[in-house]
């Protein structure tokens, strides 16, 4: 008897569901858009059918990533030069980078400058990545939002009777 009940329940899961009682319309899922954008930036926007946003995201991530990379390379170059000049026994020594001569103080200032801007561009890149995820989630939540011309708000003056006196009030009508 248990075997027959188990088999019936197992086969029931493969049977066609009643279309009158279940909603057959596919819902737009914000979780899917968020997860897609988390693992592959821009894919949540594609899921939301906002195709134009994907190249903007990749251009922004590429530009910010490149600037972080370039500032990191310059930082490493100034740091290496600073350490070489710091260990030099000549107090008046200079170091040439790209045809410009730098003293120990100049190398230290350049090293700090490029480190600061490298860190800022890394933060900006992370910020754009997070904004990509938030944008995909918000767009997915508003995907089914009705923005038709049937929406209207009317505010009009109306006479109101208070006791035996007539005053003016406002009537607000919101049509969906």
Protein backbone atom coordinates (compact mmCIF):
# COMPACT_ATOMS: atom_id res chain seq x y z
CA UNK A 1 0.00 0.00 0.00
CA UNK A 2 2.87 2.41 0.86
CA UNK A 3 4.55 1.62 -2.45
CA UNK A 4 1.40 2.53 -4.41
CA UNK A 5 1.03 5.80 -2.49
CA UNK A 6 4.72 6.66 -3.05
CA UNK A 7 4.48 5.86 -6.77
CA UNK A 8 1.31 7.95 -7.13
CA UNK A 9 2.99 10.95 -5.42
CA UNK A 10 6.10 10.54 -7.55
CA UNK A 11 4.14 10.42 -10.80
CA UNK A 12 1.94 13.30 -9.68
CA UNK A 13 4.98 15.59 -9.72
CA UNK A 14 5.44 14.90 -13.45
CA UNK A 15 1.80 15.41 -14.39
CA UNK A 16 0.64 18.59 -16.03
CA UNK A 17 -0.42 21.21 -13.51
CA UNK A 18 -3.85 22.75 -13.58
CA UNK A 19 -3.60 25.91 -15.66
CA UNK A 20 -6.76 27.43 -14.23
CA UNK A 21 -5.53 27.54 -10.66
CA UNK A 22 -1.86 28.46 -11.16
CA UNK A 23 -0.39 31.61 -12.56
CA UNK A 24 1.30 30.70 -15.84
CA UNK A 25 2.83 34.14 -16.41
CA UNK A 26 6.56 34.11 -15.86
CA UNK A 27 7.52 36.64 -13.19
CA UNK A 28 10.60 38.79 -13.53
CA UNK A 29 12.84 37.75 -10.63
CA UNK A 30 15.02 40.43 -8.96
CA UNK A 31 17.15 37.74 -7.27
CA UNK A 32 18.18 36.35 -10.65
CA UNK A 33 19.13 39.81 -11.94
CA UNK A 34 21.14 40.52 -8.78
CA UNK A 35 22.99 37.22 -8.88
CA UNK A 36 23.72 37.56 -12.59
CA UNK A 37 25.15 41.03 -12.10
CA UNK A 38 27.17 39.87 -9.11
CA UNK A 39 28.92 37.08 -10.98
CA UNK A 40 29.17 38.78 -14.39
CA UNK A 41 28.78 42.57 -14.39
CA UNK A 42 26.23 43.74 -16.95
CA UNK A 43 24.43 40.42 -17.27
CA UNK A 44 21.72 41.54 -14.84
CA UNK A 45 21.07 44.52 -17.10
CA UNK A 46 20.79 42.17 -20.08
CA UNK A 47 18.31 40.04 -18.08
CA UNK A 48 16.31 43.23 -17.43
CA UNK A 49 16.42 44.07 -21.17
CA UNK A 50 18.41 47.27 -20.58
CA UNK A 51 21.04 46.35 -23.14
CA UNK A 52 22.54 49.83 -23.48
CA UNK A 53 23.80 49.77 -19.88
CA UNK A 54 26.18 46.82 -20.38
CA UNK A 55 28.74 48.64 -22.59
CA UNK A 56 28.62 51.62 -20.21
CA UNK A 57 29.43 49.34 -17.27
CA UNK A 58 32.30 47.64 -19.10
CA UNK A 59 33.71 50.94 -20.35
CA UNK A 60 33.62 52.34 -16.82
CA UNK A 61 35.15 49.25 -15.25
CA UNK A 62 37.80 49.12 -17.97
CA UNK A 63 38.76 52.79 -17.65
CA UNK A 64 38.85 52.73 -13.86
CA UNK A 65 40.76 49.44 -13.83
CA UNK A 66 43.28 50.80 -16.32
CA UNK A 67 43.85 53.94 -14.24
CA UNK A 68 44.36 51.83 -11.11
CA UNK A 69 46.84 49.65 -13.02
CA UNK A 70 48.73 52.64 -14.44
CA UNK A 71 48.96 54.38 -11.06
CA UNK A 72 50.13 51.11 -9.48
CA UNK A 73 52.94 50.78 -12.04
CA UNK A 74 54.02 54.39 -11.44
CA UNK A 75 53.88 53.82 -7.69
CA UNK A 76 56.14 50.77 -7.99
CA UNK A 77 58.58 52.72 -10.18
CA UNK A 78 58.79 55.63 -7.70
CA UNK A 79 59.05 53.26 -4.74
CA UNK A 80 61.93 51.36 -6.35
CA UNK A 81 63.71 54.62 -7.21
CA UNK A 82 63.11 55.94 -3.68
CA UNK A 83 64.63 52.84 -2.10
CA UNK A 84 67.66 52.96 -4.43
CA UNK A 85 68.26 56.64 -3.74
CA UNK A 86 67.65 56.20 0.00
CA UNK A 87 70.37 53.56 0.18
CA UNK A 88 72.80 55.71 -1.85
CA UNK A 89 75.67 57.22 0.16
CA UNK A 90 75.69 60.50 -1.81
CA UNK A 91 73.27 62.97 -0.12
CA UNK A 92 72.97 65.13 -3.28
CA UNK A 93 72.14 62.25 -5.62
CA UNK A 94 69.20 62.43 -8.01
CA UNK A 95 67.25 59.81 -9.94
CA UNK A 96 65.92 60.12 -13.51
CA UNK A 97 62.44 58.95 -14.40
CA UNK A 98 61.10 59.68 -17.89
CA UNK A 99 63.74 62.37 -18.47
CA UNK A 100 63.03 64.21 -15.20
CA UNK A 101 65.41 64.30 -12.25
CA UNK A 102 64.03 63.70 -8.76
CA UNK A 103 65.55 64.13 -5.34
CA UNK A 104 64.70 61.91 -2.39
CA UNK A 105 61.88 64.24 -1.31
CA UNK A 106 60.49 64.39 -4.86
CA UNK A 107 60.50 60.61 -5.12
CA UNK A 108 58.72 60.32 -1.78
CA UNK A 109 56.07 62.83 -2.89
CA UNK A 110 55.59 61.02 -6.22
CA UNK A 111 55.36 57.66 -4.46
CA UNK A 112 52.66 58.97 -2.11
CA UNK A 113 50.79 60.64 -4.98
CA UNK A 114 50.57 57.50 -7.10
CA UNK A 115 49.69 55.30 -4.13
CA UNK A 116 46.83 57.63 -3.17
CA UNK A 117 45.40 57.72 -6.68
CA UNK A 118 45.84 53.96 -7.16
CA UNK A 119 43.81 53.39 -4.00
CA UNK A 120 41.15 55.88 -5.10
CA UNK A 121 40.73 54.21 -8.50
CA UNK A 122 40.44 50.79 -6.83
CA UNK A 123 37.68 52.22 -4.59
CA UNK A 124 35.94 53.80 -7.62
CA UNK A 125 36.11 50.48 -9.48
CA UNK A 126 34.58 48.64 -6.52
CA UNK A 127 31.91 51.36 -6.25
CA UNK A 128 30.96 50.98 -9.92
CA UNK A 129 30.77 47.20 -9.48
CA UNK A 130 28.43 47.60 -6.50
CA UNK A 131 26.34 50.20 -8.37
CA UNK A 132 26.00 47.68 -11.22
CA UNK A 133 24.51 45.15 -8.78
CA UNK A 134 22.16 47.71 -7.20
CA UNK A 135 21.02 48.95 -10.63
CA UNK A 136 20.19 45.41 -11.76
CA UNK A 137 18.17 44.80 -8.59
CA UNK A 138 16.22 48.07 -8.80
CA UNK A 139 15.50 47.63 -12.51
CA UNK A 140 14.27 44.08 -11.90
CA UNK A 141 11.98 45.24 -9.08
CA UNK A 142 10.50 47.96 -11.32
CA UNK A 143 10.34 45.75 -14.42
CA UNK A 144 6.57 45.18 -14.19
CA UNK A 145 5.76 48.68 -12.96
CA UNK A 146 2.91 50.24 -14.92
CA UNK A 147 3.91 53.52 -16.54
CA UNK A 148 1.01 53.79 -18.98
CA UNK A 149 -0.89 56.97 -19.79
CA UNK A 150 -3.88 55.74 -17.76
CA UNK A 151 -2.22 56.85 -14.53
CA UNK A 152 -3.44 60.28 -13.45
CA UNK A 153 -3.77 62.47 -10.40
CA UNK A 154 -6.39 65.23 -10.34
CA UNK A 155 -6.67 67.89 -7.65
CA UNK A 156 -9.73 70.10 -7.96
CA UNK A 157 -11.54 72.51 -5.65
CA UNK A 158 -14.85 71.28 -4.26
CA UNK A 159 -17.52 72.99 -2.13
CA UNK A 160 -17.87 71.32 1.28
CA UNK A 161 -20.83 71.78 3.63
CA UNK A 162 -19.79 72.11 7.29
CA UNK A 163 -22.94 72.44 9.32
CA UNK A 164 -24.87 75.25 7.62
CA UNK A 165 -21.77 76.89 6.15
CA UNK A 166 -20.29 76.19 2.79
CA UNK A 167 -16.46 76.17 2.54
CA UNK A 168 -13.95 75.24 -0.12
CA UNK A 169 -11.94 72.04 0.04
CA UNK A 170 -9.89 69.93 -2.32
CA UNK A 171 -10.82 66.70 -3.99
CA UNK A 172 -7.95 64.37 -4.93
CA UNK A 173 -8.60 61.65 -7.50
CA UNK A 174 -6.03 59.01 -8.35
CA UNK A 175 -6.85 56.85 -11.38
CA UNK A 176 -4.99 53.64 -12.15
